[in-house]
Structure formats: C-alpha cells, structure tokens
Amino acid sequence: MKIKLIDRILLALILIAVLLICAALIGIALRLIPMALLQSMVEWPFLNVVNSAVLGSAGALFFILAFRLFFAGKKQPEQKPAFSLVKNNEFGSVYITLSAIDSMIQKHCRSNTRIRDCQSAVNLTDDGIRINLKLSLLPDSNVPELTAELQKGLKEYVESLSGIMVQDIGILVESMSSLPKSRAD
C-alpha cells in the first residue's frame, strides 16, 4: 500500500488540524483558555454571513479531504495479463488471448455429447496455463472415465492449436441432469 505524495500532504494537514483541536480541548479542560475567549470563538460564526461561510467552507474542505484519504490506501486490483506468448522468432512475437483459448476449450467440451453444459476459466501460470471447468453431465455418464478422457483430449487439443503448455486441468462436476442439451446448429 503506497500512498501518493498529494495524499501524504493532505494527511499531514488534517493531522495538524486534529492536533490543534486536541490542544484546544486540553486547554479548555485544564481551564487554560478563558471563558470569554471561548465564548467569542463560539459567537464568531454568528456575527455575520461571511464568518459562517468561512467556517462552513473549512468544514466542507476537511470533510472532502478526510473522505479522499479514507480511500487513498485502497490497493488497486492487480491487473492480470489477458494474453500469453505463443512464439518468439526473428520476425517478431506471436501472442494469443485467454479468451481465444477459452473459445477453444468451449468448442472442445461442447463437441462431447455426454457434456450438457460447460463453464471454463483460464489462468496464466509461470510456464503455461491452468484450466478450470464446471461441467453438467448427462445421466449415466461414467465420471472418472469421462473426465480423464476430457483432460487428456483437452490438453492435446489446446497445446496443438495454441502452442501453450497446459499445466493443469481442474474439473468440477456440478450436476448430472436428464435435460437434453440445447444446441443452436
């Protein structure tokens, strides 16, 4: 969490104002500030409209500064790269987006007649990609056999078309419904 320079300056101004208010409150509590001075300070905004405007503006300014500082330290979400390097040669570099890989995964999964629905997520790793699948299967599907076959076939399919190593394929079978698979051919 790194705070910008402007936010540090604003924080210092607000802390100085809080220190002055604290010192005034301690002075009042110890009776170091006379009652006449305290009464004149309280009556000051009521003397005319300009004094009220100055006090109101100062209050609004400190409110805005405090509100800004409240969100100054929030960590921005880390941006994940949306593409991966396929090949680097003397002519240049070739990249593929994660959404293109996701489309390959969806096509491969939907071509299997025992899979009713498929949701996929692709994450980059240091040396390839990781695929996570959520599947809805048709009833009477042999889950261990189908998932092993799908993992092997999907790994070969994605690696052959994209040139990127598939490190891991995680599968979660969510349901085994008897509803027919809807296709738009």
Protein backbone atom coordinates (compact mmCIF):
# COMPACT_ATOMS: atom_id res chain seq x y z
CA MET A 1 0.00 0.00 0.00
CA LYS A 2 1.79 3.09 -1.27
CA ILE A 3 0.24 6.49 -0.64
CA LYS A 4 0.74 9.24 -3.24
CA LEU A 5 2.60 12.44 -2.34
CA ILE A 6 -0.52 14.62 -2.55
CA ASP A 7 -2.34 12.26 -0.19
CA ARG A 8 0.56 12.45 2.27
CA ILE A 9 0.39 16.27 2.23
CA LEU A 10 -3.38 16.19 2.78
CA LEU A 11 -2.95 13.71 5.62
CA ALA A 12 -0.36 15.99 7.24
CA LEU A 13 -2.75 18.98 7.02
CA ILE A 14 -5.60 17.04 8.57
CA LEU A 15 -3.35 15.71 11.34
CA ILE A 16 -2.13 19.24 12.14
CA ALA A 17 -5.76 20.41 12.35
CA VAL A 18 -6.63 17.49 14.64
CA LEU A 19 -3.61 18.26 16.84
CA LEU A 20 -4.71 21.91 17.16
CA ILE A 21 -8.25 20.84 18.07
CA CYS A 22 -6.89 18.38 20.63
CA ALA A 23 -4.65 21.07 22.14
CA ALA A 24 -7.64 23.45 22.36
CA LEU A 25 -9.76 20.78 24.06
CA ILE A 26 -6.99 20.05 26.56
CA GLY A 27 -6.62 23.81 27.17
CA ILE A 28 -10.36 24.10 27.80
CA ALA A 29 -10.36 21.09 30.13
CA LEU A 30 -7.42 22.48 32.13
CA ARG A 31 -9.05 25.94 32.15
CA LEU A 32 -6.06 27.47 30.36
CA ILE A 33 -8.37 29.09 27.80
CA PRO A 34 -10.54 31.78 29.44
CA MET A 35 -14.32 31.53 29.15
CA ALA A 36 -14.53 34.94 27.40
CA LEU A 37 -12.21 33.75 24.61
CA LEU A 38 -14.19 30.53 24.25
CA GLN A 39 -17.48 32.49 24.06
CA SER A 40 -16.09 34.85 21.42
CA MET A 41 -14.89 31.84 19.35
CA VAL A 42 -18.33 30.23 19.54
CA GLU A 43 -20.11 33.53 18.68
CA TRP A 44 -17.75 34.32 15.75
CA PRO A 45 -19.72 32.41 13.03
CA PHE A 46 -22.97 34.03 14.18
CA LEU A 47 -21.67 37.62 13.85
CA ASN A 48 -22.14 37.79 10.07
CA VAL A 49 -22.67 35.67 6.95
CA VAL A 50 -19.02 35.84 5.85
CA ASN A 51 -17.84 34.21 9.07
CA SER A 52 -20.45 31.46 8.66
CA ALA A 53 -19.36 30.91 5.05
CA VAL A 54 -15.69 30.66 6.06
CA LEU A 55 -16.45 28.14 8.81
CA GLY A 56 -18.77 26.11 6.57
CA SER A 57 -16.21 26.07 3.74
CA ALA A 58 -13.45 24.94 6.08
CA GLY A 59 -15.69 22.15 7.41
CA ALA A 60 -16.63 21.04 3.88
CA LEU A 61 -12.98 21.11 2.79
CA PHE A 62 -11.85 18.96 5.71
CA PHE A 63 -14.75 16.57 5.09
CA ILE A 64 -13.75 16.14 1.44
CA LEU A 65 -10.07 15.70 2.34
CA ALA A 66 -10.89 13.11 5.00
CA PHE A 67 -13.17 11.26 2.58
CA ARG A 68 -10.44 11.22 -0.08
CA LEU A 69 -7.87 9.95 2.41
CA PHE A 70 -10.26 7.23 3.52
CA PHE A 71 -9.91 5.65 0.07
CA ALA A 72 -6.29 6.67 -0.62
CA GLY A 73 -4.74 3.50 0.74
CA LYS A 74 -7.06 1.07 -1.04
CA LYS A 75 -4.99 -1.34 -3.05
CA GLN A 76 -5.84 -1.45 -6.73
CA PRO A 77 -6.60 -4.93 -8.04
CA GLU A 78 -3.62 -6.47 -9.74
CA GLN A 79 -4.03 -6.49 -13.49
CA LYS A 80 -3.61 -9.96 -14.91
CA PRO A 81 -2.28 -10.24 -18.43
CA ALA A 82 -5.04 -11.25 -20.83
CA PHE A 83 -2.68 -12.94 -23.29
CA SER A 84 0.21 -15.36 -23.47
CA LEU A 85 3.28 -15.61 -25.66
CA VAL A 86 2.96 -18.39 -28.24
CA LYS A 87 6.18 -17.95 -30.18
CA ASN A 88 9.07 -15.52 -30.41
CA ASN A 89 11.26 -15.65 -33.52
CA GLU A 90 13.34 -13.40 -35.77
CA PHE A 91 10.19 -11.98 -37.41
CA GLY A 92 8.54 -10.96 -34.16
CA SER A 93 6.32 -12.30 -31.41
CA VAL A 94 3.02 -14.15 -31.54
CA TYR A 95 0.52 -13.86 -28.68
CA ILE A 96 -2.85 -15.45 -28.02
CA THR A 97 -5.55 -14.06 -25.75
CA LEU A 98 -7.03 -16.03 -22.90
CA SER A 99 -10.47 -15.54 -24.43
CA ALA A 100 -9.28 -17.27 -27.62
CA ILE A 101 -8.04 -20.21 -25.54
CA ASP A 102 -11.34 -20.20 -23.66
CA SER A 103 -13.20 -20.43 -27.01
CA MET A 104 -11.09 -23.47 -27.92
CA ILE A 105 -11.93 -25.09 -24.59
CA GLN A 106 -15.66 -24.41 -25.02
CA LYS A 107 -15.64 -25.84 -28.57
CA HIS A 108 -13.85 -28.99 -27.45
CA CYS A 109 -16.15 -29.55 -24.46
CA ARG A 110 -19.35 -28.88 -26.40
CA SER A 111 -18.32 -31.40 -29.06
CA ASN A 112 -18.61 -34.15 -26.42
CA THR A 113 -22.18 -35.48 -26.47
CA ARG A 114 -22.07 -36.53 -22.79
CA ILE A 115 -21.45 -32.95 -21.59
CA ARG A 116 -24.67 -30.94 -21.25
CA ASP A 117 -23.10 -27.62 -20.17
CA CYS A 118 -19.58 -26.31 -19.63
CA GLN A 119 -18.21 -23.23 -17.88
CA SER A 120 -14.49 -22.59 -18.16
CA ALA A 121 -11.84 -20.31 -16.74
CA VAL A 122 -8.27 -19.92 -17.97
CA ASN A 123 -5.45 -18.63 -15.76
CA LEU A 124 -1.86 -17.92 -16.69
CA THR A 125 0.94 -19.63 -14.77
CA ASP A 126 4.68 -19.07 -14.99
CA ASP A 127 5.13 -21.81 -17.57
CA GLY A 128 1.75 -22.24 -19.24
CA ILE A 129 -1.93 -22.08 -18.42
CA ARG A 130 -4.29 -23.63 -15.89
CA ILE A 131 -7.82 -24.58 -16.94
CA ASN A 132 -10.78 -24.89 -14.57
CA LEU A 133 -14.02 -26.44 -15.78
CA LYS A 134 -17.52 -26.71 -14.29
CA LEU A 135 -19.49 -29.38 -16.08
CA SER A 136 -23.06 -30.55 -16.19
CA LEU A 137 -23.13 -34.10 -17.49
CA LEU A 138 -25.87 -36.26 -18.88
CA PRO A 139 -27.08 -39.02 -16.55
CA ASP A 140 -25.40 -42.43 -16.62
CA SER A 141 -22.06 -40.86 -17.59
CA ASN A 142 -19.03 -42.59 -16.13
CA VAL A 143 -17.49 -39.57 -14.35
CA PRO A 144 -13.92 -40.89 -13.81
CA GLU A 145 -13.67 -42.19 -17.37
CA LEU A 146 -15.24 -39.10 -18.97
CA THR A 147 -13.15 -36.60 -17.00
CA ALA A 148 -9.87 -38.46 -17.62
CA GLU A 149 -10.67 -38.66 -21.32
CA LEU A 150 -11.66 -34.98 -21.38
CA GLN A 151 -8.49 -33.86 -19.55
CA LYS A 152 -6.23 -35.80 -21.91
CA GLY A 153 -8.07 -34.73 -25.06
CA LEU A 154 -8.40 -31.10 -24.00
CA LYS A 155 -4.70 -30.87 -23.10
CA GLU A 156 -3.67 -32.22 -26.50
CA TYR A 157 -6.23 -30.05 -28.33
CA VAL A 158 -5.22 -26.76 -26.68
CA GLU A 159 -1.48 -27.45 -26.84
CA SER A 160 -1.62 -28.43 -30.53
CA LEU A 161 -3.67 -25.40 -31.60
CA SER A 162 -2.20 -22.70 -29.35
CA GLY A 163 1.35 -23.89 -28.71
CA ILE A 164 0.95 -23.15 -24.98
CA MET A 165 1.62 -25.79 -22.33
CA VAL A 166 -1.40 -26.79 -20.26
CA GLN A 167 -0.15 -27.27 -16.70
CA ASP A 168 -3.36 -28.37 -15.01
CA ILE A 169 -7.00 -29.06 -15.85
CA GLY A 170 -9.32 -28.97 -12.84
CA ILE A 171 -12.84 -30.30 -13.30
CA LEU A 172 -15.86 -29.83 -11.06
CA VAL A 173 -18.94 -31.85 -11.97
CA GLU A 174 -21.89 -29.75 -10.79
CA SER A 175 -24.84 -31.83 -11.91
CA MET A 176 -25.93 -34.84 -13.89
CA SER A 177 -29.24 -33.69 -15.30
CA SER A 178 -31.55 -35.53 -17.68
CA LEU A 179 -32.48 -32.36 -19.53
CA PRO A 180 -31.44 -32.55 -23.18
CA LYS A 181 -28.53 -30.49 -24.38
CA SER A 182 -29.73 -27.44 -26.31
CA ARG A 183 -27.73 -26.65 -29.41
CA ALA A 184 -28.02 -23.95 -31.98
CA ASP A 185 -26.72 -25.52 -35.18
